[in-house]
């Protein structure tokens, strides 16, 4: 059931009526949302429910025990259990075949014969990357004592499986969504109108813009670039930059609108990213919830900026390599992450060099425009790595 299908809109209307029909009873509202989310997820493949339920249950229990314990070793062990469960699910379903094939290819380059082992019967569960990151962040927050563990098991199951966010985010955190289950259910006319506007805006971006660009320009040029001139190829690259933005932000708008119709507010995920005048600024505007997640749980865990500035550059590159691999099991995504990691490092180096020399950033309009154009072209170059026919759809998982 895609967000852009008429069936989804009918499904959303039914859930809307049921949810507000039971608005006076908190436990009934949660039951409706949990049943709707699990039904939505099961439509893709009912077997995926076992993975969703396992991750949610393990993280709920480990977080409860972590929150109740004062023993550092036990808390660390429980966190490790959660990490092994979540990351293990990602490795098994998303990366095992990729790593197996890559290792066999590496052996062959050294003259050793290696036959890759493929798990052909394991399909990638829908939205697994979003599910594991969302649930894992909750356990880490409880471990860091920045979030108190919830005692309501069904609310936590609903948080992890919340159907508006399961396909392409936003990567909402427990501290942002769980408290909203405890608030009185209200929907004022302004929020209802805004919700409908967001859904229509998302559908317009996805169908009228992203799909149109893909079908009429981007796919044709990328599938057979030898048939087109350099100007046409460049136009297709820029069009793909617009396509991927409209595609992803369109899904986000529909998710935000769907949640708002049910009385929930999701965090913003895009803020005019192609108006960024630096790569650092771009990542403050593009997929904001993922950028914040990577900063708080990967970059900080790696050490952030400690002692020497070279550590900052190393941790930026490692963080973006992980970000690339998160988008899909392919070396193109790893290269994309490495490209952005190096770009961010250069960006930070330049800013440090400018501050050391006590030079103010250029305020002339032509300098701002040049920075904007340079940033957009760098980002567009990175998107070319995404547009590989074999891996085209992995980014949204």
Protein backbone atom coordinates (compact mmCIF):
# COMPACT_ATOMS: atom_id res chain seq x y z
CA UNK A 1 0.00 0.00 0.00
CA UNK A 2 1.96 3.01 -1.27
CA UNK A 3 1.31 6.48 0.13
CA UNK A 4 0.51 7.65 -3.39
CA UNK A 5 -2.23 5.09 -4.01
CA UNK A 6 -5.94 5.68 -3.68
CA UNK A 7 -6.12 2.64 -1.40
CA UNK A 8 -3.90 4.38 1.13
CA UNK A 9 -6.17 7.43 1.21
CA UNK A 10 -9.17 5.14 1.84
CA UNK A 11 -7.19 3.32 4.55
CA UNK A 12 -6.26 6.66 6.15
CA UNK A 13 -9.90 7.82 6.08
CA UNK A 14 -11.04 4.62 7.82
CA UNK A 15 -8.36 4.91 10.51
CA UNK A 16 -9.25 8.58 10.94
CA UNK A 17 -12.90 7.71 11.64
CA UNK A 18 -12.05 4.83 13.97
CA UNK A 19 -9.39 6.79 15.85
CA UNK A 20 -11.56 9.81 16.54
CA UNK A 21 -14.52 7.57 17.24
CA UNK A 22 -12.58 6.22 20.23
CA UNK A 23 -10.89 9.54 21.06
CA UNK A 24 -12.24 9.59 24.63
CA UNK A 25 -10.45 6.33 25.53
CA UNK A 26 -6.68 6.47 25.43
CA UNK A 27 -6.17 2.70 25.36
CA UNK A 28 -8.66 2.35 22.50
CA UNK A 29 -6.87 5.03 20.49
CA UNK A 30 -3.58 3.23 20.96
CA UNK A 31 -5.20 -0.08 20.01
CA UNK A 32 -6.55 1.40 16.77
CA UNK A 33 -3.12 2.83 15.87
CA UNK A 34 -1.28 -0.38 16.72
CA UNK A 35 -3.71 -2.55 14.74
CA UNK A 36 -3.58 -0.12 11.79
CA UNK A 37 0.22 0.01 11.82
CA UNK A 38 0.64 -3.76 11.99
CA UNK A 39 -2.00 -4.26 9.30
CA UNK A 40 -0.28 -1.67 7.08
CA UNK A 41 3.05 -3.43 7.60
CA UNK A 42 1.59 -6.91 7.02
CA UNK A 43 0.24 -5.88 3.62
CA UNK A 44 3.81 -5.82 2.31
CA UNK A 45 4.67 -9.21 3.77
CA UNK A 46 3.05 -10.75 6.89
CA UNK A 47 6.32 -12.53 7.76
CA UNK A 48 7.97 -9.16 8.35
CA UNK A 49 5.78 -8.68 11.42
CA UNK A 50 7.93 -11.17 13.31
CA UNK A 51 11.04 -9.00 12.78
CA UNK A 52 9.17 -5.82 13.72
CA UNK A 53 7.74 -7.44 16.87
CA UNK A 54 11.08 -8.95 17.92
CA UNK A 55 13.02 -5.68 17.63
CA UNK A 56 10.30 -3.75 19.47
CA UNK A 57 9.98 -6.30 22.27
CA UNK A 58 13.71 -6.73 22.88
CA UNK A 59 14.33 -2.99 22.98
CA UNK A 60 11.34 -2.36 25.25
CA UNK A 61 12.51 -4.98 27.76
CA UNK A 62 16.18 -4.03 27.69
CA UNK A 63 15.34 -0.32 28.09
CA UNK A 64 13.14 -1.13 31.09
CA UNK A 65 15.96 -3.07 32.73
CA UNK A 66 18.56 -0.47 31.84
CA UNK A 67 16.42 2.27 33.39
CA UNK A 68 15.90 0.26 36.57
CA UNK A 69 19.54 -0.76 37.05
CA UNK A 70 22.36 1.16 38.70
CA UNK A 71 25.02 -1.43 37.85
CA UNK A 72 27.26 -0.14 35.02
CA UNK A 73 28.26 -3.58 33.74
CA UNK A 74 24.67 -4.82 33.62
CA UNK A 75 23.53 -1.65 31.88
CA UNK A 76 26.31 -2.00 29.29
CA UNK A 77 25.44 -5.66 28.74
CA UNK A 78 21.77 -4.86 28.22
CA UNK A 79 22.67 -2.10 25.76
CA UNK A 80 24.87 -4.59 23.91
CA UNK A 81 21.92 -7.01 23.67
CA UNK A 82 19.83 -4.29 22.08
CA UNK A 83 22.64 -3.32 19.70
CA UNK A 84 23.22 -6.92 18.66
CA UNK A 85 19.50 -7.43 18.04
CA UNK A 86 18.96 -4.29 15.97
CA UNK A 87 22.24 -4.19 14.09
CA UNK A 88 22.15 -7.98 13.72
CA UNK A 89 18.76 -7.75 12.00
CA UNK A 90 20.15 -5.12 9.62
CA UNK A 91 23.23 -7.20 8.83
CA UNK A 92 21.25 -10.39 8.32
CA UNK A 93 18.50 -9.03 6.11
CA UNK A 94 20.17 -6.10 4.39
CA UNK A 95 23.92 -6.60 4.29
CA UNK A 96 24.76 -10.31 4.54
CA UNK A 97 24.59 -11.04 0.81
CA UNK A 98 26.45 -7.80 0.02
CA UNK A 99 29.28 -8.55 2.45
CA UNK A 100 29.46 -12.18 1.31
CA UNK A 101 29.76 -11.23 -2.37
CA UNK A 102 32.26 -8.46 -1.62
CA UNK A 103 34.46 -10.80 0.46
CA UNK A 104 34.46 -13.47 -2.27
CA UNK A 105 35.40 -10.85 -4.87
CA UNK A 106 38.23 -9.61 -2.65
CA UNK A 107 39.59 -13.15 -2.30
CA UNK A 108 39.52 -13.62 -6.06
CA UNK A 109 41.67 -10.51 -6.53
CA UNK A 110 44.35 -12.12 -4.37
CA UNK A 111 44.21 -15.36 -6.34
CA UNK A 112 42.11 -17.20 -3.78
CA UNK A 113 38.86 -18.93 -4.73
CA UNK A 114 35.86 -18.01 -2.65
CA UNK A 115 32.22 -18.91 -3.26
CA UNK A 116 29.82 -16.35 -1.80
CA UNK A 117 27.01 -17.61 0.42
CA UNK A 118 23.64 -16.00 -0.34
CA UNK A 119 20.54 -16.07 1.84
CA UNK A 120 18.12 -16.18 -1.07
CA UNK A 121 15.01 -16.76 1.01
CA UNK A 122 15.47 -13.68 3.20
CA UNK A 123 13.71 -10.63 1.79
CA UNK A 124 14.46 -7.16 3.13
CA UNK A 125 11.68 -6.13 5.52
CA UNK A 126 9.98 -2.84 4.74
CA UNK A 127 11.59 0.18 6.37
CA UNK A 128 14.01 -1.93 8.42
CA UNK A 129 16.64 0.82 8.54
CA UNK A 130 14.14 3.32 9.93
CA UNK A 131 12.71 0.80 12.40
CA UNK A 132 16.07 -0.25 13.85
CA UNK A 133 17.42 3.31 14.12
CA UNK A 134 14.21 4.56 15.70
CA UNK A 135 14.04 1.78 18.28
CA UNK A 136 17.77 1.72 19.01
CA UNK A 137 17.88 5.46 19.70
CA UNK A 138 15.30 4.94 22.46
CA UNK A 139 17.46 2.37 24.25
CA UNK A 140 20.56 4.57 23.92
CA UNK A 141 18.66 7.57 25.31
CA UNK A 142 17.52 5.49 28.29
CA UNK A 143 21.10 4.27 28.78
CA UNK A 144 22.37 7.87 28.70
CA UNK A 145 19.54 8.82 31.12
CA UNK A 146 18.21 11.51 28.79
CA UNK A 147 14.89 9.65 28.44
CA UNK A 148 12.87 7.71 31.00
CA UNK A 149 11.76 4.21 29.92
CA UNK A 150 8.08 3.84 29.16
CA UNK A 151 6.04 1.28 31.07
CA UNK A 152 3.37 0.95 28.38
CA UNK A 153 4.31 -1.95 26.11
CA UNK A 154 1.57 -1.35 23.55
CA UNK A 155 2.42 2.32 23.19
CA UNK A 156 6.01 1.37 22.49
CA UNK A 157 4.97 -1.19 19.87
CA UNK A 158 2.87 1.54 18.26
CA UNK A 159 5.74 4.04 18.35
CA UNK A 160 8.10 1.69 16.51
CA UNK A 161 5.50 0.62 13.92
CA UNK A 162 3.68 3.98 13.53
CA UNK A 163 2.50 3.60 9.94
CA UNK A 164 2.99 7.19 8.67
CA UNK A 165 6.74 6.96 9.40
CA UNK A 166 7.51 3.35 8.51
CA UNK A 167 8.31 3.81 4.80
CA UNK A 168 10.58 6.84 4.59
CA UNK A 169 10.56 8.59 7.94
CA UNK A 170 10.86 11.11 9.44
CA UNK A 171 13.21 9.31 11.82
CA UNK A 172 11.18 10.36 14.85
CA UNK A 173 12.54 9.59 18.32
CA UNK A 174 10.74 8.19 21.34
CA UNK A 175 11.02 11.42 23.32
CA UNK A 176 9.26 13.22 20.46
CA UNK A 177 6.42 10.77 19.80
CA UNK A 178 5.74 8.73 22.96
CA UNK A 179 4.67 11.74 25.10
CA UNK A 180 2.03 12.56 22.50
CA UNK A 181 0.19 9.32 23.33
CA UNK A 182 -0.48 10.73 26.80
CA UNK A 183 -1.93 14.04 25.62
CA UNK A 184 -5.68 14.51 25.20
CA UNK A 185 -6.75 13.75 21.64
CA UNK A 186 -7.63 17.01 19.89
CA UNK A 187 -7.82 18.16 16.30
CA UNK A 188 -8.59 21.78 15.57
CA UNK A 189 -9.74 22.91 12.14
CA UNK A 190 -6.44 24.70 11.43
CA UNK A 191 -4.46 21.50 11.97
CA UNK A 192 -6.93 19.50 9.90
CA UNK A 193 -6.61 21.95 7.01
CA UNK A 194 -2.83 21.96 7.28
CA UNK A 195 -2.79 18.15 7.31
CA UNK A 196 -4.83 17.92 4.12
CA UNK A 197 -2.62 20.57 2.51
CA UNK A 198 0.53 18.57 3.37
CA UNK A 199 -0.94 15.37 1.93
CA UNK A 200 -1.93 17.14 -1.31
CA UNK A 201 1.48 18.84 -1.47
CA UNK A 202 3.24 15.50 -0.97
CA UNK A 203 1.17 13.80 -3.67
CA UNK A 204 1.92 16.68 -6.05
CA UNK A 205 5.65 16.45 -5.40
CA UNK A 206 5.69 12.69 -5.78
CA UNK A 207 3.35 12.19 -8.76
CA UNK A 208 3.35 15.45 -10.72
CA UNK A 209 7.03 16.25 -10.25
CA UNK A 210 9.21 13.29 -9.18
CA UNK A 211 7.45 10.67 -11.31
CA UNK A 212 7.18 13.04 -14.27
CA UNK A 213 10.90 13.84 -14.22
CA UNK A 214 11.80 10.18 -13.81
CA UNK A 215 9.64 8.93 -16.67
CA UNK A 216 10.28 11.72 -19.16
CA UNK A 217 13.92 12.63 -18.66
CA UNK A 218 15.99 11.08 -15.87
CA UNK A 219 15.47 7.36 -16.48
CA UNK A 220 15.85 7.67 -20.23
CA UNK A 221 19.21 9.44 -20.01
CA UNK A 222 20.65 7.37 -17.17
CA UNK A 223 19.59 4.08 -18.77
CA UNK A 224 21.27 4.88 -22.11
CA UNK A 225 23.59 7.87 -21.65
CA UNK A 226 25.44 7.12 -24.88
CA UNK A 227 22.39 8.26 -26.85
CA UNK A 228 22.41 11.77 -25.37
CA UNK A 229 24.62 14.83 -25.54
CA UNK A 230 26.61 16.19 -22.62
CA UNK A 231 24.09 19.01 -22.20
CA UNK A 232 21.20 16.54 -22.03
CA UNK A 233 23.13 14.38 -19.56
CA UNK A 234 23.83 17.39 -17.34
CA UNK A 235 20.14 18.33 -17.50
CA UNK A 236 19.24 14.80 -16.39
CA UNK A 237 21.65 15.01 -13.45
CA UNK A 238 20.10 18.27 -12.27
CA UNK A 239 16.63 16.84 -12.86
CA UNK A 240 17.51 13.83 -10.72
CA UNK A 241 18.54 16.16 -7.90
CA UNK A 242 15.07 17.69 -8.08
CA UNK A 243 13.44 14.28 -8.47
CA UNK A 244 15.03 12.73 -5.39
CA UNK A 245 14.11 15.79 -3.32
CA UNK A 246 10.49 15.80 -4.50
CA UNK A 247 10.28 12.03 -4.03
CA UNK A 248 11.63 11.95 -0.50
CA UNK A 249 10.17 15.21 0.77
CA UNK A 250 6.85 14.27 -0.84
CA UNK A 251 6.68 11.09 1.20
CA UNK A 252 7.61 13.11 4.29
CA UNK A 253 4.84 15.62 3.66
CA UNK A 254 2.28 12.81 3.33
CA UNK A 255 3.60 11.21 6.53
CA UNK A 256 3.39 14.49 8.44
CA UNK A 257 -0.10 15.17 7.12
CA UNK A 258 -1.31 11.66 7.94
CA UNK A 259 0.04 11.91 11.49
CA UNK A 260 -1.45 15.37 11.94
CA UNK A 261 -4.91 14.05 11.01
CA UNK A 262 -4.53 11.70 13.97
CA UNK A 263 -3.43 14.46 16.33
CA UNK A 264 0.34 13.81 16.15
CA UNK A 265 3.07 16.24 15.17
CA UNK A 266 6.19 14.89 13.46
CA UNK A 267 9.49 16.79 13.25
CA UNK A 268 10.36 18.64 10.06
CA UNK A 269 12.66 16.72 7.75
CA UNK A 270 13.56 19.21 5.01
CA UNK A 271 14.25 22.93 4.98
CA UNK A 272 14.98 24.11 1.42
CA UNK A 273 18.17 22.02 1.18
CA UNK A 274 19.18 23.31 -2.25
CA UNK A 275 19.41 26.83 -0.84
CA UNK A 276 22.38 25.72 1.29
CA UNK A 277 25.60 27.67 0.79
CA UNK A 278 27.87 24.99 2.25
CA UNK A 279 27.83 21.23 2.72
CA UNK A 280 27.48 21.67 6.49
CA UNK A 281 24.45 23.86 5.84
CA UNK A 282 23.06 21.29 3.41
CA UNK A 283 23.08 18.56 6.08
CA UNK A 284 21.26 20.90 8.44
CA UNK A 285 18.51 21.14 5.83
CA UNK A 286 18.41 17.70 4.15
CA UNK A 287 16.85 14.69 5.94
CA UNK A 288 17.18 16.61 9.18
CA UNK A 289 16.05 13.77 11.44
CA UNK A 290 18.67 11.39 9.99
CA UNK A 291 21.38 14.07 10.21
CA UNK A 292 20.56 14.67 13.87
CA UNK A 293 20.49 10.91 14.54
CA UNK A 294 23.90 10.38 12.97
CA UNK A 295 25.33 13.32 14.91
CA UNK A 296 23.95 12.22 18.29
CA UNK A 297 24.44 8.46 18.08
CA UNK A 298 27.31 7.90 15.65
CA UNK A 299 29.48 11.03 15.49
CA UNK A 300 29.31 11.66 19.25
CA UNK A 301 29.88 7.97 20.02
CA UNK A 302 32.99 8.01 17.83
CA UNK A 303 34.34 10.88 19.89
CA UNK A 304 33.16 13.92 17.97
CA UNK A 305 35.86 16.56 18.20
CA UNK A 306 38.40 15.55 20.80
CA UNK A 307 41.95 16.76 21.36
CA UNK A 308 43.07 17.18 17.76
CA UNK A 309 41.11 18.52 14.80
CA UNK A 310 42.18 15.50 12.73
CA UNK A 311 39.82 13.47 14.94
CA UNK A 312 36.95 15.63 13.71
CA UNK A 313 37.75 14.84 10.08
CA UNK A 314 38.17 11.13 10.80
CA UNK A 315 34.86 10.94 12.67
CA UNK A 316 33.05 12.90 9.97
CA UNK A 317 34.24 10.49 7.28
CA UNK A 318 33.37 7.41 9.37
CA UNK A 319 29.93 8.82 10.18
CA UNK A 320 29.14 9.51 6.54
CA UNK A 321 30.43 6.09 5.45
CA UNK A 322 27.92 4.58 7.88
CA UNK A 323 25.27 6.94 6.51
CA UNK A 324 26.01 5.76 2.99
CA UNK A 325 25.81 2.11 3.93
CA UNK A 326 22.56 2.77 5.81
CA UNK A 327 20.96 3.96 2.57
CA UNK A 328 21.65 0.70 0.77
CA UNK A 329 23.87 -2.36 0.48
CA UNK A 330 26.06 -1.24 -2.42
CA UNK A 331 29.50 0.28 -2.85
CA UNK A 332 27.93 3.23 -4.66
CA UNK A 333 26.31 4.28 -1.39
CA UNK A 334 29.59 3.81 0.49
CA UNK A 335 31.34 6.00 -2.08
CA UNK A 336 28.58 8.58 -1.74
CA UNK A 337 29.06 8.61 2.03
CA UNK A 338 32.82 8.91 1.67
CA UNK A 339 32.41 11.79 -0.78
CA UNK A 340 30.21 13.70 1.66
CA UNK A 341 32.50 12.87 4.57
CA UNK A 342 35.48 14.35 2.73
CA UNK A 343 33.40 17.33 1.65
CA UNK A 344 32.28 18.02 5.21
CA UNK A 345 35.89 17.73 6.41
CA UNK A 346 37.06 20.29 3.86
CA UNK A 347 34.15 22.53 4.81
CA UNK A 348 35.08 22.39 8.52
CA UNK A 349 38.77 22.92 7.71
CA UNK A 350 37.98 26.01 5.68
CA UNK A 351 35.74 27.45 8.42
CA UNK A 352 38.49 26.87 11.03
CA UNK A 353 41.07 28.47 8.70
CA UNK A 354 38.79 31.46 8.13
CA UNK A 355 38.15 31.97 11.87
CA UNK A 356 41.86 31.61 12.64
CA UNK A 357 42.60 34.36 10.16
CA UNK A 358 39.76 36.42 11.69
CA UNK A 359 38.16 36.80 8.29
CA UNK A 360 34.44 37.32 8.07
CA UNK A 361 32.39 35.27 5.59
CA UNK A 362 31.76 37.03 2.31
CA UNK A 363 28.50 39.01 2.35
CA UNK A 364 28.49 40.09 -1.29
CA UNK A 365 25.63 38.64 -3.27
CA UNK A 366 27.89 37.08 -5.86
CA UNK A 367 29.91 35.24 -3.18
CA UNK A 368 26.72 33.84 -1.63
CA UNK A 369 25.50 32.81 -5.08
CA UNK A 370 28.82 31.15 -5.93
CA UNK A 371 28.70 29.17 -2.65
CA UNK A 372 25.13 28.09 -3.37
CA UNK A 373 25.99 26.97 -6.92
CA UNK A 374 29.12 25.12 -5.78
CA UNK A 375 27.23 23.30 -3.02
CA UNK A 376 24.38 22.31 -5.33
CA UNK A 377 26.78 20.95 -7.94
CA UNK A 378 28.71 18.96 -5.34
CA UNK A 379 25.49 17.44 -4.00
CA UNK A 380 24.27 16.70 -7.54
CA UNK A 381 27.54 14.91 -8.28
CA UNK A 382 26.90 12.72 -5.24
CA UNK A 383 23.37 11.90 -6.40
CA UNK A 384 24.82 10.38 -9.57
CA UNK A 385 26.15 7.55 -7.38
CA UNK A 386 22.59 6.90 -6.22
CA UNK A 387 21.29 6.61 -9.74
CA UNK A 388 22.61 3.16 -10.49
CA UNK A 389 19.96 0.97 -12.08
CA UNK A 390 20.59 -2.02 -9.86
CA UNK A 391 20.39 -0.10 -6.59
CA UNK A 392 18.00 2.68 -7.50
CA UNK A 393 15.33 1.95 -4.89
CA UNK A 394 17.50 1.20 -1.88
CA UNK A 395 17.82 4.79 -0.70
CA UNK A 396 14.26 4.95 0.68
CA UNK A 397 14.60 1.96 2.97
